[in-house]
C-alpha atoms as a PDB file:
ATOM      1  CA  MET A   1     -68.440  23.638  -5.601  1.00  0.00           C
ATOM      2  CA  PHE A   2     -65.595  21.807  -3.906  1.00  0.00           C
ATOM      3  CA  LYS A   3     -62.300  22.758  -2.302  1.00  0.00           C
ATOM      4  CA  ALA A   4     -59.206  22.950  -4.468  1.00  0.00           C
ATOM      5  CA  LYS A   5     -57.132  20.971  -1.971  1.00  0.00           C
ATOM      6  CA  ASP A   6     -59.658  18.090  -2.001  1.00  0.00           C
ATOM      7  CA  MET A   7     -59.623  18.106  -5.800  1.00  0.00           C
ATOM      8  CA  PHE A   8     -55.812  18.049  -5.863  1.00  0.00           C
ATOM      9  CA  GLU A   9     -55.778  15.082  -3.476  1.00  0.00           C
ATOM     10  CA  ALA A  10     -58.152  13.171  -5.775  1.00  0.00           C
ATOM     11  CA  PHE A  11     -56.067  14.093  -8.832  1.00  0.00           C
ATOM     12  CA  GLN A  12     -52.702  13.248  -7.209  1.00  0.00           C
ATOM     13  CA  LYS A  13     -53.498   9.511  -7.177  1.00  0.00           C
ATOM     14  CA  TYR A  14     -53.447   9.452 -10.997  1.00  0.00           C
ATOM     15  CA  ARG A  15     -50.783  12.049 -11.698  1.00  0.00           C
ATOM     16  CA  GLY A  16     -48.078   9.551 -12.663  1.00  0.00           C
ATOM     17  CA  ASP A  17     -44.986  11.298 -14.042  1.00  0.00           C
ATOM     18  CA  ALA A  18     -46.879  14.238 -15.544  1.00  0.00           C
ATOM     19  CA  ILE A  19     -45.480  17.730 -15.280  1.00  0.00           C
ATOM     20  CA  VAL A  20     -48.044  19.687 -13.256  1.00  0.00           C
ATOM     21  CA  ILE A  21     -48.367  23.465 -13.434  1.00  0.00           C
ATOM     22  CA  PRO A  22     -50.877  25.102 -11.064  1.00  0.00           C
ATOM     23  CA  THR A  23     -51.809  28.771 -11.176  1.00  0.00           C
ATOM     24  CA  GLY A  24     -54.041  31.191  -9.327  1.00  0.00           C
ATOM     25  CA  THR A  25     -54.933  31.368  -5.661  1.00  0.00           C
ATOM     26  CA  ALA A  26     -56.388  27.851  -5.520  1.00  0.00           C
ATOM     27  CA  GLY A  27     -53.278  26.495  -7.217  1.00  0.00           C
ATOM     28  CA  ARG A  28     -51.226  27.265  -4.137  1.00  0.00           C
ATOM     29  CA  ASN A  29     -52.798  24.230  -2.475  1.00  0.00           C
ATOM     30  CA  TRP A  30     -50.966  21.948  -4.895  1.00  0.00           C
ATOM     31  CA  GLY A  31     -47.667  22.326  -3.028  1.00  0.00           C
ATOM     32  CA  GLU A  32     -49.242  20.761   0.061  1.00  0.00           C
ATOM     33  CA  VAL A  33     -50.420  17.713  -1.888  1.00  0.00           C
ATOM     34  CA  SER A  34     -47.808  17.036  -4.582  1.00  0.00           C
ATOM     35  CA  THR A  35     -45.619  13.990  -4.082  1.00  0.00           C
ATOM     36  CA  ASN A  36     -43.265  14.768  -6.971  1.00  0.00           C
ATOM     37  CA  GLN A  37     -42.315  18.426  -6.684  1.00  0.00           C
ATOM     38  CA  LYS A  38     -39.377  17.974  -9.051  1.00  0.00           C
ATOM     39  CA  ARG A  39     -41.971  17.675 -11.824  1.00  0.00           C
ATOM     40  CA  ASP A  40     -43.993  20.699 -10.691  1.00  0.00           C
ATOM     41  CA  ALA A  41     -43.668  24.230 -12.010  1.00  0.00           C
ATOM     42  CA  THR A  42     -45.390  27.466 -11.062  1.00  0.00           C
ATOM     43  CA  LEU A  43     -46.015  30.602 -13.053  1.00  0.00           C
ATOM     44  CA  GLY A  44     -46.477  33.537 -10.738  1.00  0.00           C
ATOM     45  CA  GLY A  45     -47.316  36.981 -12.054  1.00  0.00           C
ATOM     46  CA  ALA A  46     -48.282  35.804 -15.531  1.00  0.00           C
ATOM     47  CA  MET A  47     -52.065  36.171 -15.354  1.00  0.00           C
ATOM     48  CA  GLY A  48     -53.531  35.987 -18.833  1.00  0.00           C
ATOM     49  CA  GLN A  49     -50.438  34.358 -20.308  1.00  0.00           C
ATOM     50  CA  THR A  50     -50.111  31.138 -18.330  1.00  0.00           C
ATOM     51  CA  ALA A  51     -52.103  28.977 -20.772  1.00  0.00           C
ATOM     52  CA  SER A  52     -49.897  30.176 -23.631  1.00  0.00           C
ATOM     53  CA  VAL A  53     -46.713  29.303 -21.748  1.00  0.00           C
ATOM     54  CA  VAL A  54     -47.935  25.854 -20.709  1.00  0.00           C
ATOM     55  CA  PHE A  55     -49.222  25.141 -24.216  1.00  0.00           C
ATOM     56  CA  GLY A  56     -45.734  26.005 -25.516  1.00  0.00           C
ATOM     57  CA  LEU A  57     -44.245  23.510 -23.058  1.00  0.00           C
ATOM     58  CA  ALA A  58     -46.671  20.820 -24.263  1.00  0.00           C
ATOM     59  CA  MET A  59     -45.658  21.471 -27.866  1.00  0.00           C
ATOM     60  CA  ALA A  60     -41.942  21.377 -26.979  1.00  0.00           C
ATOM     61  CA  GLN A  61     -42.276  18.123 -24.985  1.00  0.00           C
ATOM     62  CA  PRO A  62     -44.795  16.005 -26.956  1.00  0.00           C
ATOM     63  CA  ASP A  63     -43.843  12.780 -25.170  1.00  0.00           C
ATOM     64  CA  VAL A  64     -44.482  14.196 -21.677  1.00  0.00           C
ATOM     65  CA  LYS A  65     -47.955  14.528 -20.148  1.00  0.00           C
ATOM     66  CA  ILE A  66     -48.534  18.199 -19.272  1.00  0.00           C
ATOM     67  CA  VAL A  67     -51.268  19.000 -16.739  1.00  0.00           C
ATOM     68  CA  PHE A  68     -52.235  22.638 -16.314  1.00  0.00           C
ATOM     69  CA  PHE A  69     -54.474  23.937 -13.511  1.00  0.00           C
ATOM     70  CA  ASP A  70     -55.715  27.266 -14.851  1.00  0.00           C
ATOM     71  CA  SER A  71     -58.000  29.908 -13.318  1.00  0.00           C
ATOM     72  CA  GLU A  72     -60.978  31.462 -15.046  1.00  0.00           C
ATOM     73  CA  GLY A  73     -59.704  34.989 -14.413  1.00  0.00           C
ATOM     74  CA  SER A  74     -56.499  34.222 -16.273  1.00  0.00           C
ATOM     75  CA  LEU A  75     -58.255  32.378 -19.103  1.00  0.00           C
ATOM     76  CA  LEU A  76     -60.724  35.239 -19.610  1.00  0.00           C
ATOM     77  CA  MET A  77     -57.774  37.554 -20.289  1.00  0.00           C
ATOM     78  CA  ASN A  78     -56.680  35.383 -23.235  1.00  0.00           C
ATOM     79  CA  LEU A  79     -59.625  33.365 -24.588  1.00  0.00           C
ATOM     80  CA  GLY A  80     -57.964  33.136 -27.998  1.00  0.00           C
ATOM     81  CA  ILE A  81     -55.597  30.527 -26.592  1.00  0.00           C
ATOM     82  CA  LEU A  82     -58.412  27.946 -26.648  1.00  0.00           C
ATOM     83  CA  GLU A  83     -58.531  28.051 -30.460  1.00  0.00           C
ATOM     84  CA  THR A  84     -54.750  27.942 -30.714  1.00  0.00           C
ATOM     85  CA  ILE A  85     -54.491  24.877 -28.462  1.00  0.00           C
ATOM     86  CA  ALA A  86     -57.366  23.122 -30.231  1.00  0.00           C
ATOM     87  CA  GLY A  87     -55.856  23.934 -33.624  1.00  0.00           C
ATOM     88  CA  LYS A  88     -52.554  22.245 -32.766  1.00  0.00           C
ATOM     89  CA  GLN A  89     -54.197  19.274 -30.969  1.00  0.00           C
ATOM     90  CA  PRO A  90     -51.411  18.474 -28.454  1.00  0.00           C
ATOM     91  CA  LYS A  91     -52.211  14.922 -27.337  1.00  0.00           C
ATOM     92  CA  ASN A  92     -50.256  15.446 -24.084  1.00  0.00           C
ATOM     93  CA  PHE A  93     -52.160  18.543 -22.866  1.00  0.00           C
ATOM     94  CA  TYR A  94     -54.698  18.401 -19.995  1.00  0.00           C
ATOM     95  CA  HIS A  95     -56.271  21.774 -19.219  1.00  0.00           C
ATOM     96  CA  PHE A  96     -58.035  21.851 -15.831  1.00  0.00           C
ATOM     97  CA  LEU A  97     -59.920  25.089 -15.119  1.00  0.00           C
ATOM     98  CA  MET A  98     -60.508  26.022 -11.484  1.00  0.00           C
ATOM     99  CA  ASP A  99     -63.553  28.301 -11.632  1.00  0.00           C
ATOM    100  CA  ASN A 100     -64.242  30.054  -8.324  1.00  0.00           C
ATOM    101  CA  GLU A 101     -66.401  32.755  -9.961  1.00  0.00           C
ATOM    102  CA  CYS A 102     -64.207  35.572  -8.653  1.00  0.00           C
ATOM    103  CA  TYR A 103     -60.810  37.228  -8.871  1.00  0.00           C
ATOM    104  CA  ALA A 104     -59.514  35.783  -5.594  1.00  0.00           C
ATOM    105  CA  THR A 105     -55.974  37.133  -5.947  1.00  0.00           C
ATOM    106  CA  THR A 106     -57.095  40.740  -6.120  1.00  0.00           C
ATOM    107  CA  GLY A 107     -59.753  40.679  -3.407  1.00  0.00           C
ATOM    108  CA  GLY A 108     -62.638  38.478  -4.494  1.00  0.00           C
ATOM    109  CA  GLN A 109     -64.331  40.726  -7.015  1.00  0.00           C
ATOM    110  CA  PRO A 110     -66.957  38.683  -8.899  1.00  0.00           C
ATOM    111  CA  VAL A 111     -66.326  37.553 -12.465  1.00  0.00           C
ATOM    112  CA  PRO A 112     -69.140  39.139 -14.512  1.00  0.00           C
ATOM    113  CA  ASN A 113     -71.868  36.645 -15.487  1.00  0.00           C
ATOM    114  CA  ALA A 114     -69.885  33.876 -13.742  1.00  0.00           C
ATOM    115  CA  GLU A 115     -72.845  31.610 -13.018  1.00  0.00           C
ATOM    116  CA  ASN A 116     -73.826  31.482 -16.716  1.00  0.00           C
ATOM    117  CA  ILE A 117     -70.460  30.928 -18.418  1.00  0.00           C
ATOM    118  CA  SER A 118     -69.681  27.468 -19.785  1.00  0.00           C
ATOM    119  CA  TYR A 119     -65.916  27.302 -20.148  1.00  0.00           C
ATOM    120  CA  ALA A 120     -66.174  23.671 -21.227  1.00  0.00           C
ATOM    121  CA  GLY A 121     -68.639  24.823 -23.898  1.00  0.00           C
ATOM    122  CA  MET A 122     -66.089  27.371 -25.130  1.00  0.00           C
ATOM    123  CA  ALA A 123     -63.342  24.742 -25.264  1.00  0.00           C
ATOM    124  CA  ARG A 124     -65.650  22.276 -27.027  1.00  0.00           C
ATOM    125  CA  GLY A 125     -66.592  24.947 -29.563  1.00  0.00           C
ATOM    126  CA  ALA A 126     -62.921  25.740 -30.120  1.00  0.00           C
ATOM    127  CA  GLY A 127     -62.183  22.103 -30.933  1.00  0.00           C
ATOM    128  CA  TYR A 128     -60.764  20.412 -27.839  1.00  0.00           C
ATOM    129  CA  VAL A 129     -60.960  16.612 -28.240  1.00  0.00           C
ATOM    130  CA  ALA A 130     -62.947  16.191 -25.001  1.00  0.00           C
ATOM    131  CA  THR A 131     -64.447  18.515 -22.394  1.00  0.00           C
ATOM    132  CA  TYR A 132     -65.889  17.918 -18.937  1.00  0.00           C
ATOM    133  CA  GLU A 133     -67.649  19.973 -16.254  1.00  0.00           C
ATOM    134  CA  TYR A 134     -67.736  19.156 -12.527  1.00  0.00           C
ATOM    135  CA  GLU A 135     -69.403  20.761  -9.526  1.00  0.00           C
ATOM    136  CA  ASP A 136     -69.246  17.655  -7.329  1.00  0.00           C
ATOM    137  CA  LEU A 137     -65.974  16.280  -5.911  1.00  0.00           C
ATOM    138  CA  GLU A 138     -67.153  12.671  -5.877  1.00  0.00           C
ATOM    139  CA  ASP A 139     -68.140  12.861  -9.543  1.00  0.00           C
ATOM    140  CA  PHE A 140     -64.760  14.409 -10.411  1.00  0.00           C
ATOM    141  CA  SER A 141     -62.842  11.844  -8.327  1.00  0.00           C
ATOM    142  CA  SER A 142     -64.511   8.883 -10.004  1.00  0.00           C
ATOM    143  CA  ASN A 143     -63.712  10.213 -13.504  1.00  0.00           C
ATOM    144  CA  VAL A 144     -60.231  11.736 -13.267  1.00  0.00           C
ATOM    145  CA  GLU A 145     -58.368   8.492 -14.044  1.00  0.00           C
ATOM    146  CA  GLY A 146     -60.325   8.037 -17.268  1.00  0.00           C
ATOM    147  CA  ILE A 147     -59.827  11.654 -18.250  1.00  0.00           C
ATOM    148  CA  LEU A 148     -56.053  11.357 -17.893  1.00  0.00           C
ATOM    149  CA  SER A 149     -55.984   8.168 -19.949  1.00  0.00           C
ATOM    150  CA  ARG A 150     -57.419   9.734 -23.099  1.00  0.00           C
ATOM    151  CA  PRO A 151     -55.423  11.740 -25.633  1.00  0.00           C
ATOM    152  CA  GLY A 152     -55.608  15.518 -25.439  1.00  0.00           C
ATOM    153  CA  PRO A 153     -56.199  18.255 -25.676  1.00  0.00           C
ATOM    154  CA  VAL A 154     -58.721  17.740 -22.881  1.00  0.00           C
ATOM    155  CA  PHE A 155     -60.495  20.533 -20.989  1.00  0.00           C
ATOM    156  CA  ILE A 156     -61.943  20.012 -17.495  1.00  0.00           C
ATOM    157  CA  ALA A 157     -63.959  22.852 -15.907  1.00  0.00           C
ATOM    158  CA  MET A 158     -64.438  22.589 -12.148  1.00  0.00           C
ATOM    159  CA  LYS A 159     -66.398  24.811  -9.776  1.00  0.00           C
ATOM    160  CA  ILE A 160     -64.012  25.518  -6.884  1.00  0.00           C
ATOM    161  CA  THR A 161     -64.763  27.176  -3.540  1.00  0.00           C
ATOM    162  CA  PRO A 162     -63.165  30.660  -3.528  1.00  0.00           C
ATOM    163  CA  GLU A 163     -60.132  31.295  -1.330  1.00  0.00           C
ATOM    164  CA  ILE A 164     -59.863  35.072  -1.204  1.00  0.00           C
ATOM    165  CA  GLU A 165     -56.234  36.087  -0.853  1.00  0.00           C
ATOM    166  CA  ASN A 166     -56.220  39.877  -0.554  1.00  0.00           C
ATOM    167  CA  GLU A 167     -58.344  42.877   0.180  1.00  0.00           C
ATOM    168  CA  PRO A 168     -59.450  44.671  -2.984  1.00  0.00           C
ATOM    169  CA  ILE A 169     -56.667  46.935  -4.229  1.00  0.00           C
ATOM    170  CA  GLY A 170     -58.409  50.139  -3.112  1.00  0.00           C
ATOM    171  CA  ARG A 171     -58.620  48.862   0.499  1.00  0.00           C
ATOM    172  CA  ARG A 172     -55.023  47.676   0.868  1.00  0.00           C
ATOM    173  CA  SER A 173     -52.574  49.684   2.913  1.00  0.00           C
ATOM    174  CA  ARG A 174     -50.076  51.386   0.692  1.00  0.00           C
ATOM    175  CA  THR A 175     -46.372  51.516   1.229  1.00  0.00           C
ATOM    176  CA  ALA A 176     -44.508  54.579   0.116  1.00  0.00           C
ATOM    177  CA  ALA A 177     -42.732  53.990  -3.170  1.00  0.00           C
ATOM    178  CA  ARG A 178     -39.201  55.190  -3.628  1.00  0.00           C
ATOM    179  CA  PRO A 179     -38.847  58.005  -6.134  1.00  0.00           C
ATOM    180  CA  ARG A 180     -37.566  56.990  -9.567  1.00  0.00           C
ATOM    181  CA  ALA A 181     -34.346  58.956  -9.105  1.00  0.00           C
ATOM    182  CA  GLN A 182     -33.647  57.079  -5.853  1.00  0.00           C
ATOM    183  CA  ILE A 183     -34.256  53.715  -7.524  1.00  0.00           C
ATOM    184  CA  ILE A 184     -31.804  54.570 -10.313  1.00  0.00           C
ATOM    185  CA  LYS A 185     -29.208  55.806  -7.818  1.00  0.00           C
ATOM    186  CA  ASP A 186     -29.569  52.646  -5.710  1.00  0.00           C
ATOM    187  CA  LEU A 187     -29.296  50.358  -8.735  1.00  0.00           C
ATOM    188  CA  ARG A 188     -26.243  52.149 -10.025  1.00  0.00           C
ATOM    189  CA  GLY A 189     -24.636  51.769  -6.612  1.00  0.00           C
ATOM    190  CA  GLU A 190     -25.436  48.037  -6.543  1.00  0.00           C
ATOM    191  CA  LEU A 191     -24.043  47.575 -10.041  1.00  0.00           C
ATOM    192  CA  GLY A 192     -20.926  49.650  -9.426  1.00  0.00           C
ATOM    193  CA  VAL A 193     -21.862  52.304 -11.966  1.00  0.00           C
ATOM    194  CA  ALA A 194     -20.755  55.852 -11.247  1.00  0.00           C
ATOM    195  CA  VAL A 195     -23.551  57.943  -9.753  1.00  0.00           C
END
């Protein structure tokens, strides 16, 4: 396993003018490394749907290299997207999977059977043009330029050190929610609608 920030630094050298879309907890490191933030996009709160959105962007912009840093938790919620991407064969799509073997955003709960899953194997079976797997940063760093030079869709699975963001949901302190009636009253007041 290697740190997401170190991986992003190795990748950044070969980014060129690609649009880069990171997701998940590890993806937050990208903002510290990116040298062209005008060509970066983030998709917060779309777990399970991010690959679909980025794939749509790749289809809409076939002349632009689209690089997506996905998380295994999000991909597992929508595995059918692998077949859809492979079926359309977008030559500009580079699908990097940051596999930290846990749900880091929600408290670090382990992904079931994480050590035995081959995401690159799934992508290969679905029909991606090329797939790669990396657990070593040096190995990844020496191959990333070549990966980005080939036509897509390309899938790159990487074992990333977990960066746990939150306590599990059951252990978090709860804030009192406003009652529904109060929310409606407040919104009406903000919108100038008679209460």
